[in-house]
Every structure is written in structure tokens, then in C-alpha cells.
């Protein structure tokens, strides 16, 4: 009786493992079934399975490259602004206006490829968008070259540039962020954040596809842009 009970129990266990895919049954010449138990995939195997394909990685690299180009364009605009105004935009209307212009300067989020592709708007002041710092003279051709049709904000994603002020920001802190960014640096993919201290510098970082700071693919350091407007204004 006990033997029969054990056989029934063993058969039930075998069938449950077979249905779960943890055991494979293969016919043998003598009519018996060979049982092959399959172990769970290791952490390394799971990581390999999550690796993107070559074509996917190429697309990711292109998105990240466009993102960093947008970051540099925004930083160059801010350098010109700080050169002209001798400071970072202040809270209030001044900061809101700067955000609006920067959003029109870089309106296309590289991580939202299903959205309308926009041209840079005229609202992004051409004297700040012109990156030739050798001259501050702008003619009609410079302005005309930036006259692209841009839908209103309701029909466009013009909210990816964020400005804020942190008067405690220091050079030492910024250098540390190159390898250890703050835990709260998380934002929707494609967001570009600028932090100024209203004294001599600002820091710019961009959120990659995972919402965390974009990193260099080789060094894995944060692709941080540090602007020093005290140097632009010949301040000590």
C-alpha cells in the first residue's frame, strides 16, 4: 500500500515538473522515459538575454549622440546668455522665458521618435543661438536662417529643458558628480537640467533612456557639462 502511494506521489511530481518545463522526457529503446532536469538560468545568462541586438544598440547610440548634441547646444546658448547678462537666469519670469527659448532651440526629444519633428523656433533668440563667439554682430541673414514654423506649445513637447538655482553648487561637488551623480537625479528621458549657483558656474546634465544621467559609453563617466560664466566675464 505504501509503495503504491509513493508511486502515485512520484508520478504526480514528475507530471508537474514536466508541465512547468523543468524536466524533459525522452523515450529510451527499452520503452522507459529518460528524465532530464533543467536548472534555472544563471544571473549571467539572464543579463546576456537582456543585451540589445546590434541593430538595437546602434539605434540607442544614435539617440544618445543626438541627446548629447542637444545638451551642448543648450550649454552654448547658456554661455552666451551668461556672457551678455553676467549671471545665470534668476527665478521668476526671467527663468521661465529662458526655459521657453531653450525648449524651442532643442524641441525634439531623441527618445520619443514617434512624435512630430520640429524645427528650431524664432522665439529662441538668435543672438544666443549663434555659436560663433568671435563676433557679437548679427545680420538679417542670421535671423532669417532660424525662421522655421513651430506649432504652439499645446501641440509640441516643449518642456524638456529645466532650470534651477542652487547657491551651494561648487567646483568640487561638480567634479564628484562626474562619477557619482546624486540619487535624486532622475527625470523623464530626454530632459536636460541646468543648475546654476548665481555666482560663477552652472552644471548641465541630461536624462538618458533610463531616466538617469547620460554616461559616456567608454569611460562610463557622467556626460556632465560645466559652464563657468565667471571666466566668460573675466571675473576672478
C-alpha atoms as a PDB file:
ATOM      1  CA  UNK A   1       0.000   0.000   0.000  1.00  0.00           C
ATOM      2  CA  UNK A   2       2.802   2.396   0.896  1.00  0.00           C
ATOM      3  CA  UNK A   3       4.658   1.516  -2.309  1.00  0.00           C
ATOM      4  CA  UNK A   4       1.576   2.248  -4.401  1.00  0.00           C
ATOM      5  CA  UNK A   5       1.074   5.571  -2.612  1.00  0.00           C
ATOM      6  CA  UNK A   6       4.698   6.542  -3.208  1.00  0.00           C
ATOM      7  CA  UNK A   7       4.427   5.685  -6.933  1.00  0.00           C
ATOM      8  CA  UNK A   8       1.324   7.837  -7.290  1.00  0.00           C
ATOM      9  CA  UNK A   9       3.056  10.717  -5.476  1.00  0.00           C
ATOM     10  CA  UNK A  10       6.216  10.418  -7.600  1.00  0.00           C
ATOM     11  CA  UNK A  11       4.164  10.334 -10.789  1.00  0.00           C
ATOM     12  CA  UNK A  12       2.287  13.484  -9.765  1.00  0.00           C
ATOM     13  CA  UNK A  13       5.554  15.306  -9.013  1.00  0.00           C
ATOM     14  CA  UNK A  14       7.036  14.237 -12.336  1.00  0.00           C
ATOM     15  CA  UNK A  15       3.984  15.424 -14.285  1.00  0.00           C
ATOM     16  CA  UNK A  16       4.016  18.814 -12.518  1.00  0.00           C
ATOM     17  CA  UNK A  17       7.718  19.284 -13.328  1.00  0.00           C
ATOM     18  CA  UNK A  18       7.086  18.206 -16.914  1.00  0.00           C
ATOM     19  CA  UNK A  19       4.303  20.781 -17.336  1.00  0.00           C
ATOM     20  CA  UNK A  20       6.485  23.509 -15.800  1.00  0.00           C
ATOM     21  CA  UNK A  21       9.273  22.793 -18.272  1.00  0.00           C
ATOM     22  CA  UNK A  22      11.756  21.909 -15.545  1.00  0.00           C
ATOM     23  CA  UNK A  23      12.076  18.328 -16.692  1.00  0.00           C
ATOM     24  CA  UNK A  24      12.224  16.887 -20.196  1.00  0.00           C
ATOM     25  CA  UNK A  25      11.162  13.348 -21.018  1.00  0.00           C
ATOM     26  CA  UNK A  26      12.916  11.423 -23.796  1.00  0.00           C
ATOM     27  CA  UNK A  27      11.946   7.907 -24.985  1.00  0.00           C
ATOM     28  CA  UNK A  28      14.535   5.158 -24.428  1.00  0.00           C
ATOM     29  CA  UNK A  29      14.984   1.969 -26.521  1.00  0.00           C
ATOM     30  CA  UNK A  30      13.577  -0.206 -23.748  1.00  0.00           C
ATOM     31  CA  UNK A  31      10.389   1.812 -23.566  1.00  0.00           C
ATOM     32  CA  UNK A  32      11.328   3.732 -20.400  1.00  0.00           C
ATOM     33  CA  UNK A  33      11.386   7.501 -20.263  1.00  0.00           C
ATOM     34  CA  UNK A  34      14.659   9.336 -19.579  1.00  0.00           C
ATOM     35  CA  UNK A  35      14.255  12.313 -17.246  1.00  0.00           C
ATOM     36  CA  UNK A  36      16.474  15.360 -17.824  1.00  0.00           C
ATOM     37  CA  UNK A  37      16.234  18.091 -15.215  1.00  0.00           C
ATOM     38  CA  UNK A  38      16.902  21.649 -16.415  1.00  0.00           C
ATOM     39  CA  UNK A  39      18.344  24.169 -13.997  1.00  0.00           C
ATOM     40  CA  UNK A  40      17.206  27.799 -13.744  1.00  0.00           C
ATOM     41  CA  UNK A  41      19.264  30.248 -15.884  1.00  0.00           C
ATOM     42  CA  UNK A  42      22.073  31.963 -14.005  1.00  0.00           C
ATOM     43  CA  UNK A  43      22.217  35.723 -13.402  1.00  0.00           C
ATOM     44  CA  UNK A  44      24.907  35.996 -16.099  1.00  0.00           C
ATOM     45  CA  UNK A  45      22.717  34.165 -18.619  1.00  0.00           C
ATOM     46  CA  UNK A  46      19.771  36.415 -17.772  1.00  0.00           C
ATOM     47  CA  UNK A  47      21.937  39.505 -18.261  1.00  0.00           C
ATOM     48  CA  UNK A  48      23.083  38.210 -21.648  1.00  0.00           C
ATOM     49  CA  UNK A  49      19.488  37.596 -22.669  1.00  0.00           C
ATOM     50  CA  UNK A  50      18.682  41.224 -21.869  1.00  0.00           C
ATOM     51  CA  UNK A  51      21.517  42.579 -24.020  1.00  0.00           C
ATOM     52  CA  UNK A  52      20.248  44.531 -27.072  1.00  0.00           C
ATOM     53  CA  UNK A  53      20.955  43.273 -30.554  1.00  0.00           C
ATOM     54  CA  UNK A  54      23.488  45.001 -32.805  1.00  0.00           C
ATOM     55  CA  UNK A  55      20.779  46.984 -34.602  1.00  0.00           C
ATOM     56  CA  UNK A  56      19.126  47.957 -31.325  1.00  0.00           C
ATOM     57  CA  UNK A  57      22.459  49.086 -29.862  1.00  0.00           C
ATOM     58  CA  UNK A  58      23.124  51.196 -32.964  1.00  0.00           C
ATOM     59  CA  UNK A  59      19.759  52.913 -32.547  1.00  0.00           C
ATOM     60  CA  UNK A  60      20.469  53.525 -28.848  1.00  0.00           C
ATOM     61  CA  UNK A  61      23.884  55.005 -29.676  1.00  0.00           C
ATOM     62  CA  UNK A  62      22.316  57.357 -32.232  1.00  0.00           C
ATOM     63  CA  UNK A  63      19.723  58.509 -29.690  1.00  0.00           C
ATOM     64  CA  UNK A  64      22.410  59.155 -27.069  1.00  0.00           C
ATOM     65  CA  UNK A  65      24.557  61.040 -29.580  1.00  0.00           C
ATOM     66  CA  UNK A  66      21.637  63.284 -30.518  1.00  0.00           C
ATOM     67  CA  UNK A  67      20.895  63.802 -26.827  1.00  0.00           C
ATOM     68  CA  UNK A  68      24.460  64.938 -26.110  1.00  0.00           C
ATOM     69  CA  UNK A  69      24.401  67.252 -29.137  1.00  0.00           C
ATOM     70  CA  UNK A  70      21.236  68.847 -27.717  1.00  0.00           C
ATOM     71  CA  UNK A  71      22.978  69.233 -24.359  1.00  0.00           C
ATOM     72  CA  UNK A  72      25.907  71.022 -25.983  1.00  0.00           C
ATOM     73  CA  UNK A  73      23.566  73.288 -27.951  1.00  0.00           C
ATOM     74  CA  UNK A  74      21.768  74.266 -24.745  1.00  0.00           C
ATOM     75  CA  UNK A  75      25.088  74.853 -22.940  1.00  0.00           C
ATOM     76  CA  UNK A  76      26.336  77.093 -25.754  1.00  0.00           C
ATOM     77  CA  UNK A  77      23.134  79.143 -25.590  1.00  0.00           C
ATOM     78  CA  UNK A  78      23.522  79.487 -21.818  1.00  0.00           C
ATOM     79  CA  UNK A  79      27.174  80.526 -22.191  1.00  0.00           C
ATOM     80  CA  UNK A  80      26.068  83.354 -24.470  1.00  0.00           C
ATOM     81  CA  UNK A  81      23.291  84.343 -22.070  1.00  0.00           C
ATOM     82  CA  UNK A  82      25.687  84.481 -19.109  1.00  0.00           C
ATOM     83  CA  UNK A  83      28.189  86.434 -21.200  1.00  0.00           C
ATOM     84  CA  UNK A  84      25.594  89.071 -22.032  1.00  0.00           C
ATOM     85  CA  UNK A  85      23.848  89.213 -18.653  1.00  0.00           C
ATOM     86  CA  UNK A  86      26.846  88.339 -16.455  1.00  0.00           C
ATOM     87  CA  UNK A  87      24.797  85.802 -14.471  1.00  0.00           C
ATOM     88  CA  UNK A  88      22.550  82.747 -14.636  1.00  0.00           C
ATOM     89  CA  UNK A  89      18.792  83.394 -15.176  1.00  0.00           C
ATOM     90  CA  UNK A  90      17.018  84.315 -11.954  1.00  0.00           C
ATOM     91  CA  UNK A  91      13.848  82.702 -10.590  1.00  0.00           C
ATOM     92  CA  UNK A  92      10.613  84.059 -11.978  1.00  0.00           C
ATOM     93  CA  UNK A  93       9.812  85.412 -15.417  1.00  0.00           C
ATOM     94  CA  UNK A  94      13.469  85.516 -16.405  1.00  0.00           C
ATOM     95  CA  UNK A  95      13.922  81.776 -15.833  1.00  0.00           C
ATOM     96  CA  UNK A  96      10.581  80.916 -17.440  1.00  0.00           C
ATOM     97  CA  UNK A  97      11.477  82.898 -20.563  1.00  0.00           C
ATOM     98  CA  UNK A  98      14.892  81.218 -20.749  1.00  0.00           C
ATOM     99  CA  UNK A  99      13.293  77.761 -20.495  1.00  0.00           C
ATOM    100  CA  UNK A 100      10.814  78.584 -23.244  1.00  0.00           C
ATOM    101  CA  UNK A 101      13.559  79.754 -25.579  1.00  0.00           C
ATOM    102  CA  UNK A 102      15.753  76.745 -24.856  1.00  0.00           C
ATOM    103  CA  UNK A 103      12.834  74.372 -25.428  1.00  0.00           C
ATOM    104  CA  UNK A 104      12.316  75.907 -28.860  1.00  0.00           C
ATOM    105  CA  UNK A 105      16.038  75.720 -29.551  1.00  0.00           C
ATOM    106  CA  UNK A 106      16.041  71.924 -28.927  1.00  0.00           C
ATOM    107  CA  UNK A 107      12.423  70.826 -29.308  1.00  0.00           C
ATOM    108  CA  UNK A 108      12.922  67.218 -30.439  1.00  0.00           C
ATOM    109  CA  UNK A 109      13.322  64.547 -27.783  1.00  0.00           C
ATOM    110  CA  UNK A 110      15.553  61.784 -29.216  1.00  0.00           C
ATOM    111  CA  UNK A 111      13.836  59.190 -27.026  1.00  0.00           C
ATOM    112  CA  UNK A 112      10.357  59.983 -28.391  1.00  0.00           C
ATOM    113  CA  UNK A 113      10.759  59.043 -32.029  1.00  0.00           C
ATOM    114  CA  UNK A 114       7.011  58.758 -32.674  1.00  0.00           C
ATOM    115  CA  UNK A 115       6.410  62.483 -32.195  1.00  0.00           C
ATOM    116  CA  UNK A 116       6.371  65.312 -34.700  1.00  0.00           C
ATOM    117  CA  UNK A 117       9.834  66.565 -35.651  1.00  0.00           C
ATOM    118  CA  UNK A 118      10.019  70.319 -35.129  1.00  0.00           C
ATOM    119  CA  UNK A 119      12.311  72.997 -36.479  1.00  0.00           C
ATOM    120  CA  UNK A 120      14.014  75.426 -34.141  1.00  0.00           C
ATOM    121  CA  UNK A 121      11.742  78.384 -33.451  1.00  0.00           C
ATOM    122  CA  UNK A 122      12.426  82.054 -33.882  1.00  0.00           C
ATOM    123  CA  UNK A 123      11.497  82.556 -30.234  1.00  0.00           C
ATOM    124  CA  UNK A 124      14.915  81.140 -29.359  1.00  0.00           C
ATOM    125  CA  UNK A 125      16.776  84.435 -29.517  1.00  0.00           C
ATOM    126  CA  UNK A 126      19.202  84.217 -32.449  1.00  0.00           C
ATOM    127  CA  UNK A 127      21.911  86.193 -30.686  1.00  0.00           C
ATOM    128  CA  UNK A 128      22.088  83.423 -28.057  1.00  0.00           C
ATOM    129  CA  UNK A 129      21.667  80.591 -30.553  1.00  0.00           C
ATOM    130  CA  UNK A 130      24.528  81.755 -32.784  1.00  0.00           C
ATOM    131  CA  UNK A 131      27.570  79.853 -31.551  1.00  0.00           C
ATOM    132  CA  UNK A 132      30.230  81.928 -33.338  1.00  0.00           C
ATOM    133  CA  UNK A 133      31.626  83.686 -30.263  1.00  0.00           C
ATOM    134  CA  UNK A 134      34.226  85.576 -32.296  1.00  0.00           C
ATOM    135  CA  UNK A 135      31.699  88.295 -33.061  1.00  0.00           C
ATOM    136  CA  UNK A 136      28.595  89.737 -31.456  1.00  0.00           C
ATOM    137  CA  UNK A 137      27.305  91.232 -34.728  1.00  0.00           C
ATOM    138  CA  UNK A 138      24.237  89.573 -36.270  1.00  0.00           C
ATOM    139  CA  UNK A 139      22.693  90.465 -39.602  1.00  0.00           C
ATOM    140  CA  UNK A 140      19.321  89.763 -41.163  1.00  0.00           C
ATOM    141  CA  UNK A 141      20.594  86.541 -42.706  1.00  0.00           C
ATOM    142  CA  UNK A 142      21.341  85.140 -39.236  1.00  0.00           C
ATOM    143  CA  UNK A 143      17.793  85.850 -38.105  1.00  0.00           C
ATOM    144  CA  UNK A 144      16.187  84.658 -41.340  1.00  0.00           C
ATOM    145  CA  UNK A 145      18.019  81.316 -41.165  1.00  0.00           C
ATOM    146  CA  UNK A 146      16.208  80.489 -37.909  1.00  0.00           C
ATOM    147  CA  UNK A 147      12.671  81.311 -39.092  1.00  0.00           C
ATOM    148  CA  UNK A 148      11.114  77.855 -39.022  1.00  0.00           C
ATOM    149  CA  UNK A 149       7.435  77.135 -38.461  1.00  0.00           C
ATOM    150  CA  UNK A 150       6.900  75.785 -34.942  1.00  0.00           C
ATOM    151  CA  UNK A 151       3.493  74.621 -33.632  1.00  0.00           C
ATOM    152  CA  UNK A 152       2.226  76.168 -30.428  1.00  0.00           C
ATOM    153  CA  UNK A 153       3.203  74.617 -27.109  1.00  0.00           C
ATOM    154  CA  UNK A 154      -0.067  72.693 -26.856  1.00  0.00           C
ATOM    155  CA  UNK A 155       0.828  70.678 -29.966  1.00  0.00           C
ATOM    156  CA  UNK A 156       4.521  70.230 -29.209  1.00  0.00           C
ATOM    157  CA  UNK A 157       6.608  68.707 -26.452  1.00  0.00           C
ATOM    158  CA  UNK A 158       8.404  71.934 -25.489  1.00  0.00           C
ATOM    159  CA  UNK A 159       9.084  71.212 -21.851  1.00  0.00           C
ATOM    160  CA  UNK A 160      12.288  69.164 -21.752  1.00  0.00           C
ATOM    161  CA  UNK A 161      14.624  71.931 -20.524  1.00  0.00           C
ATOM    162  CA  UNK A 162      14.609  72.590 -16.765  1.00  0.00           C
ATOM    163  CA  UNK A 163      16.482  75.380 -14.962  1.00  0.00           C
ATOM    164  CA  UNK A 164      17.039  75.741 -11.237  1.00  0.00           C
ATOM    165  CA  UNK A 165      19.349  77.552  -8.816  1.00  0.00           C
ATOM    166  CA  UNK A 166      21.494  76.011  -6.077  1.00  0.00           C
ATOM    167  CA  UNK A 167      23.756  78.583  -4.441  1.00  0.00           C
ATOM    168  CA  UNK A 168      25.730  75.815  -2.708  1.00  0.00           C
ATOM    169  CA  UNK A 169      26.949  74.429  -6.039  1.00  0.00           C
ATOM    170  CA  UNK A 170      30.762  74.243  -6.087  1.00  0.00           C
ATOM    171  CA  UNK A 171      33.519  73.075  -8.410  1.00  0.00           C
ATOM    172  CA  UNK A 172      34.444  70.214  -6.072  1.00  0.00           C
ATOM    173  CA  UNK A 173      30.864  68.995  -5.962  1.00  0.00           C
ATOM    174  CA  UNK A 174      30.563  69.152  -9.746  1.00  0.00           C
ATOM    175  CA  UNK A 175      33.713  67.081 -10.186  1.00  0.00           C
ATOM    176  CA  UNK A 176      32.332  64.439  -7.834  1.00  0.00           C
ATOM    177  CA  UNK A 177      29.142  64.212  -9.883  1.00  0.00           C
ATOM    178  CA  UNK A 178      31.179  63.057 -12.889  1.00  0.00           C
ATOM    179  CA  UNK A 179      31.424  59.632 -11.246  1.00  0.00           C
ATOM    180  CA  UNK A 180      28.759  59.722  -8.520  1.00  0.00           C
ATOM    181  CA  UNK A 181      25.698  61.737  -9.515  1.00  0.00           C
ATOM    182  CA  UNK A 182      23.056  62.430  -6.839  1.00  0.00           C
ATOM    183  CA  UNK A 183      20.449  59.705  -6.338  1.00  0.00           C
ATOM    184  CA  UNK A 184      17.643  62.181  -6.988  1.00  0.00           C
ATOM    185  CA  UNK A 185      18.943  62.952 -10.480  1.00  0.00           C
ATOM    186  CA  UNK A 186      16.077  61.181 -12.203  1.00  0.00           C
ATOM    187  CA  UNK A 187      13.882  62.696 -14.902  1.00  0.00           C
ATOM    188  CA  UNK A 188      11.832  61.697 -17.949  1.00  0.00           C
ATOM    189  CA  UNK A 189      14.124  60.514 -20.772  1.00  0.00           C
ATOM    190  CA  UNK A 190      15.377  63.416 -22.860  1.00  0.00           C
ATOM    191  CA  UNK A 191      15.150  66.007 -20.075  1.00  0.00           C
ATOM    192  CA  UNK A 192      18.025  68.500 -19.928  1.00  0.00           C
ATOM    193  CA  UNK A 193      18.589  70.077 -16.494  1.00  0.00           C
ATOM    194  CA  UNK A 194      20.734  73.117 -15.707  1.00  0.00           C
ATOM    195  CA  UNK A 195      21.729  74.073 -12.163  1.00  0.00           C
ATOM    196  CA  UNK A 196      23.317  77.484 -11.562  1.00  0.00           C
ATOM    197  CA  UNK A 197      24.771  78.988  -8.389  1.00  0.00           C
ATOM    198  CA  UNK A 198      24.328  82.651  -9.430  1.00  0.00           C
ATOM    199  CA  UNK A 199      28.000  83.235  -8.635  1.00  0.00           C
ATOM    200  CA  UNK A 200      30.344  81.729 -11.162  1.00  0.00           C
ATOM    201  CA  UNK A 201      29.147  78.453 -12.697  1.00  0.00           C
ATOM    202  CA  UNK A 202      26.379  76.124 -13.778  1.00  0.00           C
ATOM    203  CA  UNK A 203      26.125  72.366 -14.329  1.00  0.00           C
ATOM    204  CA  UNK A 204      24.129  70.674 -17.077  1.00  0.00           C
ATOM    205  CA  UNK A 205      23.102  67.005 -17.199  1.00  0.00           C
ATOM    206  CA  UNK A 206      20.766  65.053 -19.438  1.00  0.00           C
ATOM    207  CA  UNK A 207      18.476  62.116 -18.676  1.00  0.00           C
ATOM    208  CA  UNK A 208      19.133  59.098 -20.874  1.00  0.00           C
ATOM    209  CA  UNK A 209      16.682  56.401 -21.925  1.00  0.00           C
ATOM    210  CA  UNK A 210      16.599  55.023 -18.356  1.00  0.00           C
ATOM    211  CA  UNK A 211      15.883  58.439 -16.839  1.00  0.00           C
ATOM    212  CA  UNK A 212      19.295  58.571 -15.182  1.00  0.00           C
ATOM    213  CA  UNK A 213      22.231  60.839 -16.171  1.00  0.00           C
ATOM    214  CA  UNK A 214      23.638  60.089 -19.609  1.00  0.00           C
ATOM    215  CA  UNK A 215      27.051  58.401 -19.435  1.00  0.00           C
ATOM    216  CA  UNK A 216      29.999  58.132 -21.794  1.00  0.00           C
ATOM    217  CA  UNK A 217      29.912  54.679 -23.432  1.00  0.00           C
ATOM    218  CA  UNK A 218      33.652  54.104 -22.929  1.00  0.00           C
ATOM    219  CA  UNK A 219      34.580  55.709 -19.602  1.00  0.00           C
ATOM    220  CA  UNK A 220      31.075  55.308 -18.084  1.00  0.00           C
ATOM    221  CA  UNK A 221      31.511  58.757 -16.525  1.00  0.00           C
ATOM    222  CA  UNK A 222      28.525  61.080 -16.435  1.00  0.00           C
ATOM    223  CA  UNK A 223      28.413  63.326 -19.501  1.00  0.00           C
ATOM    224  CA  UNK A 224      28.288  66.468 -17.424  1.00  0.00           C
ATOM    225  CA  UNK A 225      28.773  69.928 -18.909  1.00  0.00           C
ATOM    226  CA  UNK A 226      30.215  72.513 -16.533  1.00  0.00           C
ATOM    227  CA  UNK A 227      29.826  76.157 -17.534  1.00  0.00           C
ATOM    228  CA  UNK A 228      31.973  78.802 -15.851  1.00  0.00           C
ATOM    229  CA  UNK A 229      30.474  82.202 -16.590  1.00  0.00           C
ATOM    230  CA  UNK A 230      32.837  83.996 -14.216  1.00  0.00           C
ATOM    231  CA  UNK A 231      35.599  83.164 -16.699  1.00  0.00           C
ATOM    232  CA  UNK A 232      33.419  84.390 -19.582  1.00  0.00           C
ATOM    233  CA  UNK A 233      33.035  87.712 -17.773  1.00  0.00           C
ATOM    234  CA  UNK A 234      36.746  87.844 -16.798  1.00  0.00           C
ATOM    235  CA  UNK A 235      35.857  87.604 -13.126  1.00  0.00           C
ATOM    236  CA  UNK A 236      38.049  86.054 -10.504  1.00  0.00           C
END
